[in-house]
PDB file of all heavy atoms in Angstrom:
ATOM      1  N   LEU A   1       0.825  -1.201   0.000  1.00  0.00           N
ATOM      2  CA  LEU A   1       0.000   0.000   0.000  1.00  0.00           C
ATOM      3  C   LEU A   1       0.862   1.256   0.000  1.00  0.00           C
ATOM      4  O   LEU A   1       0.640   2.184  -0.797  1.00  0.00           O
ATOM      5  CB  LEU A   1      -0.915  -0.006   1.232  1.00  0.00           C
ATOM      6  CG  LEU A   1      -1.777   1.238   1.470  1.00  0.00           C
ATOM      7  CD1 LEU A   1      -2.887   1.326   0.426  1.00  0.00           C
ATOM      8  CD2 LEU A   1      -2.359   1.216   2.874  1.00  0.00           C
ATOM      9  N   LEU A   2       1.864   1.307   0.869  1.00  0.00           N
ATOM     10  CA  LEU A   2       2.677   2.507   1.029  1.00  0.00           C
ATOM     11  C   LEU A   2       3.779   2.620  -0.008  1.00  0.00           C
ATOM     12  O   LEU A   2       4.495   3.627  -0.040  1.00  0.00           O
ATOM     13  CB  LEU A   2       3.264   2.562   2.442  1.00  0.00           C
ATOM     14  CG  LEU A   2       2.226   2.647   3.566  1.00  0.00           C
ATOM     15  CD1 LEU A   2       2.903   2.815   4.910  1.00  0.00           C
ATOM     16  CD2 LEU A   2       1.254   3.797   3.327  1.00  0.00           C
ATOM     17  N   ALA A   3       3.916   1.611  -0.861  1.00  0.00           N
ATOM     18  CA  ALA A   3       4.857   1.698  -1.982  1.00  0.00           C
ATOM     19  C   ALA A   3       4.128   1.953  -3.298  1.00  0.00           C
ATOM     20  O   ALA A   3       4.761   2.031  -4.350  1.00  0.00           O
ATOM     21  CB  ALA A   3       5.684   0.411  -2.078  1.00  0.00           C
ATOM     22  N   GLY A   4       2.794   2.071  -3.233  1.00  0.00           N
ATOM     23  CA  GLY A   4       2.031   2.289  -4.456  1.00  0.00           C
ATOM     24  C   GLY A   4       2.074   1.108  -5.401  1.00  0.00           C
ATOM     25  O   GLY A   4       1.926   1.259  -6.618  1.00  0.00           O
ATOM     26  N   GLN A   5       2.244  -0.099  -4.854  1.00  0.00           N
ATOM     27  CA  GLN A   5       2.386  -1.295  -5.683  1.00  0.00           C
ATOM     28  C   GLN A   5       1.072  -2.053  -5.877  1.00  0.00           C
ATOM     29  O   GLN A   5       1.084  -3.179  -6.347  1.00  0.00           O
ATOM     30  CB  GLN A   5       3.427  -2.234  -5.057  1.00  0.00           C
ATOM     31  CG  GLN A   5       4.836  -1.680  -5.075  1.00  0.00           C
ATOM     32  CD  GLN A   5       5.832  -2.617  -4.424  1.00  0.00           C
ATOM     33  OE1 GLN A   5       5.478  -3.439  -3.578  1.00  0.00           O
ATOM     34  NE2 GLN A   5       7.083  -2.515  -4.817  1.00  0.00           N
ATOM     35  N   THR A   6      -0.020  -1.463  -5.500  1.00  0.00           N
ATOM     36  CA  THR A   6      -1.304  -2.135  -5.616  1.00  0.00           C
ATOM     37  C   THR A   6      -2.371  -1.127  -5.998  1.00  0.00           C
ATOM     38  O   THR A   6      -2.340   0.021  -5.527  1.00  0.00           O
ATOM     39  CB  THR A   6      -1.688  -2.828  -4.291  1.00  0.00           C
ATOM     40  OG1 THR A   6      -3.021  -3.322  -4.393  1.00  0.00           O
ATOM     41  CG2 THR A   6      -1.582  -1.869  -3.119  1.00  0.00           C
ATOM     42  N   PRO A   7      -3.323  -1.509  -6.854  1.00  0.00           N
ATOM     43  CA  PRO A   7      -4.433  -0.600  -7.153  1.00  0.00           C
ATOM     44  C   PRO A   7      -5.433  -0.501  -6.003  1.00  0.00           C
ATOM     45  O   PRO A   7      -6.282   0.384  -5.992  1.00  0.00           O
ATOM     46  CB  PRO A   7      -5.080  -1.234  -8.391  1.00  0.00           C
ATOM     47  CG  PRO A   7      -4.746  -2.682  -8.297  1.00  0.00           C
ATOM     48  CD  PRO A   7      -3.384  -2.744  -7.654  1.00  0.00           C
ATOM     49  N   GLN A   8      -5.327  -1.402  -5.018  1.00  0.00           N
ATOM     50  CA  GLN A   8      -6.243  -1.401  -3.869  1.00  0.00           C
ATOM     51  C   GLN A   8      -5.670  -0.492  -2.790  1.00  0.00           C
ATOM     52  O   GLN A   8      -4.947  -0.926  -1.903  1.00  0.00           O
ATOM     53  CB  GLN A   8      -6.438  -2.822  -3.357  1.00  0.00           C
ATOM     54  CG  GLN A   8      -7.131  -3.732  -4.363  1.00  0.00           C
ATOM     55  CD  GLN A   8      -7.177  -5.169  -3.915  1.00  0.00           C
ATOM     56  OE1 GLN A   8      -6.164  -5.762  -3.575  1.00  0.00           O
ATOM     57  NE2 GLN A   8      -8.368  -5.740  -3.909  1.00  0.00           N
ATOM     58  N   ARG A   9      -6.018   0.796  -2.889  1.00  0.00           N
ATOM     59  CA  ARG A   9      -5.444   1.792  -1.980  1.00  0.00           C
ATOM     60  C   ARG A   9      -6.294   2.031  -0.742  1.00  0.00           C
ATOM     61  O   ARG A   9      -6.106   2.997  -0.025  1.00  0.00           O
ATOM     62  CB  ARG A   9      -5.182   3.092  -2.748  1.00  0.00           C
ATOM     63  CG  ARG A   9      -3.992   2.960  -3.692  1.00  0.00           C
ATOM     64  CD  ARG A   9      -3.674   4.236  -4.436  1.00  0.00           C
ATOM     65  NE  ARG A   9      -4.696   4.551  -5.429  1.00  0.00           N
ATOM     66  CZ  ARG A   9      -5.547   5.556  -5.346  1.00  0.00           C
ATOM     67  NH1 ARG A   9      -5.537   6.349  -4.282  1.00  0.00           N
ATOM     68  NH2 ARG A   9      -6.418   5.780  -6.300  1.00  0.00           N
ATOM     69  N   ILE A  10      -7.239   1.135  -0.495  1.00  0.00           N
ATOM     70  CA  ILE A  10      -7.998   1.116   0.757  1.00  0.00           C
ATOM     71  C   ILE A  10      -7.799  -0.251   1.394  1.00  0.00           C
ATOM     72  O   ILE A  10      -8.024  -1.273   0.740  1.00  0.00           O
ATOM     73  CB  ILE A  10      -9.494   1.356   0.514  1.00  0.00           C
ATOM     74  CG1 ILE A  10      -9.741   2.709  -0.154  1.00  0.00           C
ATOM     75  CG2 ILE A  10     -10.274   1.270   1.830  1.00  0.00           C
ATOM     76  CD1 ILE A  10     -11.174   2.914  -0.599  1.00  0.00           C
ATOM     77  N   VAL A  11      -7.347  -0.278   2.632  1.00  0.00           N
ATOM     78  CA  VAL A  11      -7.182  -1.532   3.362  1.00  0.00           C
ATOM     79  C   VAL A  11      -8.140  -1.513   4.543  1.00  0.00           C
ATOM     80  O   VAL A  11      -8.120  -0.583   5.366  1.00  0.00           O
ATOM     81  CB  VAL A  11      -5.736  -1.725   3.854  1.00  0.00           C
ATOM     82  CG1 VAL A  11      -5.634  -2.963   4.749  1.00  0.00           C
ATOM     83  CG2 VAL A  11      -4.779  -1.854   2.671  1.00  0.00           C
ATOM     84  N   LEU A  12      -9.006  -2.514   4.608  1.00  0.00           N
ATOM     85  CA  LEU A  12      -9.963  -2.660   5.695  1.00  0.00           C
ATOM     86  C   LEU A  12      -9.473  -3.771   6.617  1.00  0.00           C
ATOM     87  O   LEU A  12      -9.260  -4.900   6.165  1.00  0.00           O
ATOM     88  CB  LEU A  12     -11.347  -3.004   5.138  1.00  0.00           C
ATOM     89  CG  LEU A  12     -11.933  -2.037   4.106  1.00  0.00           C
ATOM     90  CD1 LEU A  12     -13.252  -2.577   3.570  1.00  0.00           C
ATOM     91  CD2 LEU A  12     -12.114  -0.652   4.698  1.00  0.00           C
ATOM     92  N   ILE A  13      -9.287  -3.450   7.890  1.00  0.00           N
ATOM     93  CA  ILE A  13      -8.760  -4.417   8.856  1.00  0.00           C
ATOM     94  C   ILE A  13      -9.837  -4.711   9.888  1.00  0.00           C
ATOM     95  O   ILE A  13     -10.211  -3.835  10.675  1.00  0.00           O
ATOM     96  CB  ILE A  13      -7.485  -3.888   9.534  1.00  0.00           C
ATOM     97  CG1 ILE A  13      -6.421  -3.553   8.491  1.00  0.00           C
ATOM     98  CG2 ILE A  13      -6.952  -4.909  10.533  1.00  0.00           C
ATOM     99  CD1 ILE A  13      -5.167  -2.935   9.063  1.00  0.00           C
ATOM    100  N   ALA A  14     -10.323  -5.928   9.880  1.00  0.00           N
ATOM    101  CA  ALA A  14     -11.406  -6.318  10.789  1.00  0.00           C
ATOM    102  C   ALA A  14     -10.890  -7.299  11.830  1.00  0.00           C
ATOM    103  O   ALA A  14      -9.955  -8.064  11.599  1.00  0.00           O
ATOM    104  CB  ALA A  14     -12.548  -6.958   9.994  1.00  0.00           C
ATOM    105  N   GLY A  15     -11.516  -7.286  13.002  1.00  0.00           N
ATOM    106  CA  GLY A  15     -11.143  -8.234  14.040  1.00  0.00           C
ATOM    107  C   GLY A  15     -11.750  -7.858  15.371  1.00  0.00           C
ATOM    108  O   GLY A  15     -12.106  -6.697  15.615  1.00  0.00           O
ATOM    109  N   ALA A  16     -11.868  -8.837  16.250  1.00  0.00           N
ATOM    110  CA  ALA A  16     -12.402  -8.596  17.585  1.00  0.00           C
ATOM    111  C   ALA A  16     -11.372  -7.861  18.443  1.00  0.00           C
ATOM    112  O   ALA A  16     -10.224  -7.658  18.037  1.00  0.00           O
ATOM    113  CB  ALA A  16     -12.783  -9.929  18.230  1.00  0.00           C
ATOM    114  N   SER A  17     -11.777  -7.500  19.637  1.00  0.00           N
ATOM    115  CA  SER A  17     -10.856  -6.842  20.566  1.00  0.00           C
ATOM    116  C   SER A  17      -9.706  -7.783  20.909  1.00  0.00           C
ATOM    117  O   SER A  17      -9.898  -8.991  21.082  1.00  0.00           O
ATOM    118  CB  SER A  17     -11.590  -6.442  21.852  1.00  0.00           C
ATOM    119  OG  SER A  17     -12.595  -5.489  21.584  1.00  0.00           O
ATOM    120  N   GLY A  18      -8.524  -7.206  21.005  1.00  0.00           N
ATOM    121  CA  GLY A  18      -7.372  -7.967  21.468  1.00  0.00           C
ATOM    122  C   GLY A  18      -6.633  -8.746  20.416  1.00  0.00           C
ATOM    123  O   GLY A  18      -5.688  -9.478  20.748  1.00  0.00           O
ATOM    124  N   VAL A  19      -6.995  -8.629  19.136  1.00  0.00           N
ATOM    125  CA  VAL A  19      -6.295  -9.404  18.105  1.00  0.00           C
ATOM    126  C   VAL A  19      -5.189  -8.598  17.429  1.00  0.00           C
ATOM    127  O   VAL A  19      -4.524  -9.107  16.532  1.00  0.00           O
ATOM    128  CB  VAL A  19      -7.267  -9.943  17.036  1.00  0.00           C
ATOM    129  CG1 VAL A  19      -8.254 -10.912  17.650  1.00  0.00           C
ATOM    130  CG2 VAL A  19      -7.985  -8.810  16.316  1.00  0.00           C
ATOM    131  N   GLY A  20      -4.996  -7.345  17.835  1.00  0.00           N
ATOM    132  CA  GLY A  20      -3.832  -6.607  17.347  1.00  0.00           C
ATOM    133  C   GLY A  20      -4.094  -5.573  16.269  1.00  0.00           C
ATOM    134  O   GLY A  20      -3.147  -5.152  15.600  1.00  0.00           O
ATOM    135  N   LYS A  21      -5.346  -5.141  16.097  1.00  0.00           N
ATOM    136  CA  LYS A  21      -5.623  -4.139  15.056  1.00  0.00           C
ATOM    137  C   LYS A  21      -4.870  -2.838  15.337  1.00  0.00           C
ATOM    138  O   LYS A  21      -4.184  -2.305  14.459  1.00  0.00           O
ATOM    139  CB  LYS A  21      -7.123  -3.860  14.975  1.00  0.00           C
ATOM    140  CG  LYS A  21      -7.983  -5.066  14.629  1.00  0.00           C
ATOM    141  CD  LYS A  21      -9.439  -4.688  14.469  1.00  0.00           C
ATOM    142  CE  LYS A  21     -10.053  -4.085  15.723  1.00  0.00           C
ATOM    143  NZ  LYS A  21     -10.045  -5.003  16.879  1.00  0.00           N
ATOM    144  N   SER A  22      -5.026  -2.328  16.553  1.00  0.00           N
ATOM    145  CA  SER A  22      -4.398  -1.052  16.886  1.00  0.00           C
ATOM    146  C   SER A  22      -2.878  -1.168  16.880  1.00  0.00           C
ATOM    147  O   SER A  22      -2.174  -0.223  16.491  1.00  0.00           O
ATOM    148  CB  SER A  22      -4.894  -0.557  18.245  1.00  0.00           C
ATOM    149  OG  SER A  22      -6.295  -0.297  18.200  1.00  0.00           O
ATOM    150  N   THR A  23      -2.361  -2.314  17.317  1.00  0.00           N
ATOM    151  CA  THR A  23      -0.910  -2.524  17.269  1.00  0.00           C
ATOM    152  C   THR A  23      -0.413  -2.468  15.837  1.00  0.00           C
ATOM    153  O   THR A  23       0.622  -1.855  15.538  1.00  0.00           O
ATOM    154  CB  THR A  23      -0.547  -3.872  17.902  1.00  0.00           C
ATOM    155  OG1 THR A  23      -0.960  -3.881  19.269  1.00  0.00           O
ATOM    156  CG2 THR A  23       0.952  -4.128  17.831  1.00  0.00           C
ATOM    157  N   LEU A  24      -1.130  -3.107  14.936  1.00  0.00           N
ATOM    158  CA  LEU A  24      -0.754  -3.086  13.525  1.00  0.00           C
ATOM    159  C   LEU A  24      -0.765  -1.650  12.985  1.00  0.00           C
ATOM    160  O   LEU A  24       0.137  -1.257  12.229  1.00  0.00           O
ATOM    161  CB  LEU A  24      -1.715  -3.970  12.720  1.00  0.00           C
ATOM    162  CG  LEU A  24      -1.413  -4.166  11.235  1.00  0.00           C
ATOM    163  CD1 LEU A  24      -0.045  -4.801  11.029  1.00  0.00           C
ATOM    164  CD2 LEU A  24      -2.495  -5.003  10.573  1.00  0.00           C
ATOM    165  N   LEU A  25      -1.749  -0.860  13.393  1.00  0.00           N
ATOM    166  CA  LEU A  25      -1.805   0.526  12.947  1.00  0.00           C
ATOM    167  C   LEU A  25      -0.648   1.343  13.517  1.00  0.00           C
ATOM    168  O   LEU A  25      -0.079   2.193  12.821  1.00  0.00           O
ATOM    169  CB  LEU A  25      -3.136   1.156  13.341  1.00  0.00           C
ATOM    170  CG  LEU A  25      -4.395   0.591  12.675  1.00  0.00           C
ATOM    171  CD1 LEU A  25      -5.591   1.494  12.973  1.00  0.00           C
ATOM    172  CD2 LEU A  25      -4.224   0.435  11.180  1.00  0.00           C
ATOM    173  N   ARG A  26      -0.278   1.092  14.772  1.00  0.00           N
ATOM    174  CA  ARG A  26       0.846   1.832  15.353  1.00  0.00           C
ATOM    175  C   ARG A  26       2.134   1.535  14.604  1.00  0.00           C
ATOM    176  O   ARG A  26       2.954   2.430  14.354  1.00  0.00           O
ATOM    177  CB  ARG A  26       0.992   1.488  16.841  1.00  0.00           C
ATOM    178  CG  ARG A  26      -0.061   2.139  17.731  1.00  0.00           C
ATOM    179  CD  ARG A  26       0.332   2.064  19.196  1.00  0.00           C
ATOM    180  NE  ARG A  26       0.360   0.689  19.678  1.00  0.00           N
ATOM    181  CZ  ARG A  26      -0.687   0.047  20.185  1.00  0.00           C
ATOM    182  NH1 ARG A  26      -1.859   0.667  20.269  1.00  0.00           N
ATOM    183  NH2 ARG A  26      -0.587  -1.188  20.624  1.00  0.00           N
ATOM    184  N   GLN A  27       2.327   0.285  14.239  1.00  0.00           N
ATOM    185  CA  GLN A  27       3.517  -0.071  13.469  1.00  0.00           C
ATOM    186  C   GLN A  27       3.467   0.569  12.076  1.00  0.00           C
ATOM    187  O   GLN A  27       4.495   0.973  11.525  1.00  0.00           O
ATOM    188  CB  GLN A  27       3.630  -1.593  13.352  1.00  0.00           C
ATOM    189  CG  GLN A  27       3.822  -2.308  14.672  1.00  0.00           C
ATOM    190  CD  GLN A  27       5.069  -1.842  15.402  1.00  0.00           C
ATOM    191  OE1 GLN A  27       6.171  -1.876  14.846  1.00  0.00           O
ATOM    192  NE2 GLN A  27       4.902  -1.400  16.636  1.00  0.00           N
ATOM    193  N   THR A  28       2.272   0.673  11.532  1.00  0.00           N
ATOM    194  CA  THR A  28       2.123   1.308  10.223  1.00  0.00           C
ATOM    195  C   THR A  28       2.509   2.781  10.284  1.00  0.00           C
ATOM    196  O   THR A  28       3.167   3.301   9.384  1.00  0.00           O
ATOM    197  CB  THR A  28       0.668   1.161   9.726  1.00  0.00           C
ATOM    198  OG1 THR A  28       0.357  -0.233   9.595  1.00  0.00           O
ATOM    199  CG2 THR A  28       0.478   1.845   8.386  1.00  0.00           C
ATOM    200  N   VAL A  29       2.102   3.466  11.360  1.00  0.00           N
ATOM    201  CA  VAL A  29       2.468   4.873  11.533  1.00  0.00           C
ATOM    202  C   VAL A  29       3.982   5.025  11.624  1.00  0.00           C
ATOM    203  O   VAL A  29       4.572   5.930  11.014  1.00  0.00           O
ATOM    204  CB  VAL A  29       1.777   5.462  12.781  1.00  0.00           C
ATOM    205  CG1 VAL A  29       2.323   6.850  13.093  1.00  0.00           C
ATOM    206  CG2 VAL A  29       0.265   5.529  12.575  1.00  0.00           C
ATOM    207  N   ARG A  30       4.626   4.127  12.368  1.00  0.00           N
ATOM    208  CA  ARG A  30       6.091   4.171  12.475  1.00  0.00           C
ATOM    209  C   ARG A  30       6.734   3.956  11.114  1.00  0.00           C
ATOM    210  O   ARG A  30       7.679   4.657  10.737  1.00  0.00           O
ATOM    211  CB  ARG A  30       6.581   3.097  13.451  1.00  0.00           C
ATOM    212  CG  ARG A  30       6.314   3.384  14.910  1.00  0.00           C
ATOM    213  CD  ARG A  30       6.909   2.294  15.787  1.00  0.00           C
ATOM    214  NE  ARG A  30       8.334   2.107  15.499  1.00  0.00           N
ATOM    215  CZ  ARG A  30       9.009   0.975  15.726  1.00  0.00           C
ATOM    216  NH1 ARG A  30       8.378  -0.077  16.232  1.00  0.00           N
ATOM    217  NH2 ARG A  30      10.291   0.896  15.451  1.00  0.00           N
TER     218      ARG A  30
END
């Protein structure tokens, strides 16, 4: 996504509490 290597420029991340969604986003920000 961040290299512009895909036409799918929207990523939807689904999951219950505690499976790491916010952690994944924090790493993405870094």
